[in-house]
Amino acid sequence: MAFIPIFVAVDAIGMIPLFLSLVEGISKKQQQKILRDSIITATLVAISFMFIGKGILHFIGITISDFQVAGGMLIFILAVRLLLTGSKKDIVLNGKGADLGIFPLGTPLITGPAVLTTTLMMRDSFGIAPTFVSLVLNMLICWVTLAKFELVIRLIGTAGTRAFSKIMYILLAAIGVMMIRLGITTVLLK
């Protein structure tokens, strides 16, 4: 029962275009490292949050809405930097893309506010073991899905991939704005 809500929150299929747009022009070896780092980060963050999230949030006074606003701001800034004419991915990727798997892919894109919130709800509803298994299975599905992204490139070609990347940067900015809006709306409605 915990599997489906976490599957929807992780949205492995929806990660394909974002992954494609962010790793375009990066070597195959670097892409594999980014993928590995993103899945490890996403899994560790989600599992850690499942066990200690409520306590930490309560202790420091941070809400899920705060996560949404902060994560949205970071995603928006990343998207704008990628869209700016003359801007290089190297600026965003810290020279060699070493941190791309951690941010923004691992968190907040794969494991973001939706996954963190869903994880806490599933833990309360179904218990630790089913939620843990569901998280791990969903991260494996996400890893396999992103590892096979080359099939998409073969279907749409190099020019299509570049055009798709630009569209994805715009969507990434919109996702950032949406996360900020949801976080602020939740705070205002309380």
Protein backbone atom coordinates (compact mmCIF):
# COMPACT_ATOMS: atom_id res chain seq x y z
CA MET A 1 0.00 0.00 0.00
CA ALA A 2 2.84 2.46 0.71
CA PHE A 3 4.41 1.75 -2.70
CA ILE A 4 1.96 3.67 -4.94
CA PRO A 5 1.97 7.02 -3.09
CA ILE A 6 5.78 6.98 -2.96
CA PHE A 7 5.91 5.98 -6.65
CA VAL A 8 3.80 9.00 -7.53
CA ALA A 9 5.92 11.30 -5.33
CA VAL A 10 9.24 10.06 -6.77
CA ASP A 11 7.92 10.31 -10.37
CA ALA A 12 10.75 8.30 -11.95
CA ILE A 13 9.31 8.67 -15.44
CA GLY A 14 8.99 12.43 -15.00
CA MET A 15 12.68 12.59 -14.03
CA ILE A 16 13.83 11.43 -17.49
CA PRO A 17 13.50 14.80 -19.26
CA LEU A 18 15.06 16.67 -16.35
CA PHE A 19 17.94 14.20 -16.19
CA LEU A 20 18.42 14.46 -19.97
CA SER A 21 18.49 18.23 -19.90
CA LEU A 22 20.96 18.39 -17.03
CA VAL A 23 23.45 15.80 -18.31
CA GLU A 24 23.47 16.87 -21.96
CA GLY A 25 27.06 17.12 -23.21
CA ILE A 26 28.53 15.33 -20.20
CA SER A 27 30.62 12.18 -20.74
CA LYS A 28 29.03 8.76 -20.26
CA LYS A 29 31.29 8.04 -17.30
CA GLN A 30 30.33 11.34 -15.64
CA GLN A 31 26.63 10.66 -16.34
CA GLN A 32 26.89 7.30 -14.59
CA LYS A 33 28.56 8.93 -11.59
CA ILE A 34 25.88 11.63 -11.48
CA LEU A 35 23.15 8.96 -11.66
CA ARG A 36 24.76 6.87 -8.93
CA ASP A 37 25.24 9.93 -6.69
CA SER A 38 21.66 11.08 -7.27
CA ILE A 39 20.09 7.73 -6.37
CA ILE A 40 22.32 7.23 -3.33
CA THR A 41 21.60 10.78 -2.13
CA ALA A 42 17.86 10.50 -2.76
CA THR A 43 17.66 7.14 -0.98
CA LEU A 44 19.73 8.19 2.03
CA VAL A 45 17.84 11.47 2.46
CA ALA A 46 14.44 9.74 2.21
CA ILE A 47 15.33 6.91 4.59
CA SER A 48 16.99 9.26 7.08
CA PHE A 49 13.99 11.56 6.98
CA MET A 50 11.65 8.61 7.52
CA PHE A 51 13.39 7.83 10.81
CA ILE A 52 14.33 11.24 12.18
CA GLY A 53 12.43 13.81 10.10
CA LYS A 54 9.58 14.65 12.43
CA GLY A 55 11.87 15.02 15.40
CA ILE A 56 14.30 17.28 13.56
CA LEU A 57 11.57 19.41 12.05
CA HIS A 58 9.85 19.82 15.37
CA PHE A 59 13.10 20.56 17.19
CA ILE A 60 14.25 23.33 14.84
CA GLY A 61 10.81 24.64 13.92
CA ILE A 62 10.94 23.91 10.19
CA THR A 63 7.83 22.83 8.31
CA ILE A 64 7.34 21.01 5.01
CA SER A 65 6.23 24.38 3.65
CA ASP A 66 9.67 25.76 4.51
CA PHE A 67 11.21 22.89 2.51
CA GLN A 68 8.98 23.70 -0.44
CA VAL A 69 9.94 27.37 -0.48
CA ALA A 70 13.69 26.77 -0.06
CA GLY A 71 13.80 23.92 -2.57
CA GLY A 72 11.73 25.91 -5.05
CA MET A 73 14.07 28.88 -4.80
CA LEU A 74 17.12 26.71 -5.42
CA ILE A 75 15.53 24.96 -8.41
CA PHE A 76 14.45 28.30 -9.92
CA ILE A 77 17.95 29.77 -9.57
CA LEU A 78 19.48 26.68 -11.21
CA ALA A 79 17.03 26.83 -14.13
CA VAL A 80 17.64 30.53 -14.73
CA ARG A 81 21.40 30.02 -14.76
CA LEU A 82 21.04 27.20 -17.28
CA LEU A 83 18.76 29.28 -19.52
CA LEU A 84 20.85 32.46 -19.59
CA THR A 85 22.47 33.09 -22.94
CA GLY A 86 26.20 32.53 -22.78
CA SER A 87 25.91 30.77 -19.45
CA LYS A 88 27.79 27.53 -19.27
CA LYS A 89 26.72 24.47 -17.36
CA ASP A 90 30.18 24.52 -15.82
CA ILE A 91 29.08 27.48 -13.69
CA VAL A 92 26.14 25.53 -12.35
CA LEU A 93 27.98 22.25 -12.13
CA ASN A 94 30.92 23.54 -10.12
CA GLY A 95 33.48 22.94 -12.84
CA LYS A 96 33.10 19.19 -13.39
CA GLY A 97 29.56 18.47 -12.37
CA ALA A 98 30.69 16.78 -9.18
CA ASP A 99 27.66 17.86 -7.19
CA LEU A 100 24.92 17.56 -9.84
CA GLY A 101 23.91 14.12 -8.56
CA ILE A 102 23.49 15.49 -5.05
CA PHE A 103 21.82 18.77 -6.03
CA PRO A 104 19.48 19.17 -7.81
CA LEU A 105 18.89 15.55 -8.90
CA GLY A 106 19.22 13.61 -5.66
CA THR A 107 17.52 16.32 -3.71
CA PRO A 108 15.18 18.15 -4.25
CA LEU A 109 14.19 16.62 -7.63
CA ILE A 110 14.08 12.90 -6.81
CA THR A 111 13.69 13.24 -3.05
CA GLY A 112 12.05 16.57 -2.43
CA PRO A 113 9.23 17.86 -0.28
CA ALA A 114 6.68 15.52 -1.93
CA VAL A 115 8.72 12.39 -1.17
CA LEU A 116 9.60 13.57 2.33
CA THR A 117 6.00 14.38 3.19
CA THR A 118 4.68 11.15 1.62
CA THR A 119 7.31 9.11 3.46
CA LEU A 120 6.23 10.52 6.82
CA MET A 121 2.56 9.90 6.01
CA MET A 122 3.20 6.30 4.85
CA ARG A 123 5.28 5.59 7.93
CA ASP A 124 2.42 6.76 10.13
CA SER A 125 -0.16 4.79 8.10
CA PHE A 126 1.66 1.54 7.28
CA GLY A 127 4.70 1.35 9.56
CA ILE A 128 8.43 1.49 9.12
CA ALA A 129 9.06 -1.81 7.27
CA PRO A 130 6.54 -1.34 4.41
CA THR A 131 7.59 2.28 3.96
CA PHE A 132 11.28 1.35 3.92
CA VAL A 133 10.72 -1.40 1.32
CA SER A 134 8.58 0.94 -0.79
CA LEU A 135 11.25 3.64 -0.72
CA VAL A 136 14.01 1.25 -1.75
CA LEU A 137 11.93 -0.27 -4.58
CA ASN A 138 10.99 3.18 -5.89
CA MET A 139 14.61 4.30 -5.86
CA LEU A 140 15.58 1.16 -7.80
CA ILE A 141 12.86 1.93 -10.36
CA CYS A 142 14.13 5.49 -10.65
CA TRP A 143 17.71 4.29 -11.12
CA VAL A 144 16.75 1.84 -13.90
CA THR A 145 14.56 4.45 -15.59
CA LEU A 146 17.31 7.08 -15.64
CA ALA A 147 20.01 4.57 -16.58
CA LYS A 148 18.11 3.82 -19.80
CA PHE A 149 17.71 7.48 -20.86
CA GLU A 150 19.81 6.87 -24.00
CA LEU A 151 16.81 5.20 -25.61
CA VAL A 152 15.04 8.56 -25.50
CA ILE A 153 17.99 10.27 -27.17
CA ARG A 154 17.93 7.71 -29.98
CA LEU A 155 14.25 8.44 -30.54
CA ILE A 156 14.42 12.25 -30.71
CA GLY A 157 17.99 12.85 -31.95
CA THR A 158 20.66 15.37 -30.90
CA ALA A 159 18.86 18.51 -32.12
CA GLY A 160 15.64 17.32 -30.51
CA THR A 161 17.51 16.69 -27.28
CA ARG A 162 18.91 20.25 -27.25
CA ALA A 163 15.50 21.75 -27.94
CA PHE A 164 13.96 19.48 -25.32
CA SER A 165 16.62 20.57 -22.81
CA LYS A 166 15.71 24.24 -23.21
CA ILE A 167 12.05 23.42 -22.70
CA MET A 168 12.97 21.39 -19.61
CA TYR A 169 14.91 24.35 -18.15
CA ILE A 170 11.75 26.43 -18.47
CA LEU A 171 9.72 23.65 -16.84
CA LEU A 172 12.34 23.35 -14.12
CA ALA A 173 11.94 27.08 -13.40
CA ALA A 174 8.15 26.58 -13.31
CA ILE A 175 8.53 23.68 -10.88
CA GLY A 176 10.60 25.95 -8.64
CA VAL A 177 7.90 28.64 -8.76
CA MET A 178 5.19 26.04 -8.06
CA MET A 179 7.07 24.74 -5.01
CA ILE A 180 7.47 28.29 -3.68
CA ARG A 181 3.77 29.03 -4.31
CA LEU A 182 2.62 25.83 -2.58
CA GLY A 183 4.85 26.47 0.41
CA ILE A 184 3.65 30.05 0.81
CA THR A 185 0.00 29.09 0.25
CA THR A 186 0.20 26.40 2.92
CA VAL A 187 1.67 28.87 5.40
CA LEU A 188 -0.97 31.50 4.63
CA LEU A 189 -3.87 29.05 5.00
CA LYS A 190 -2.79 27.93 8.47
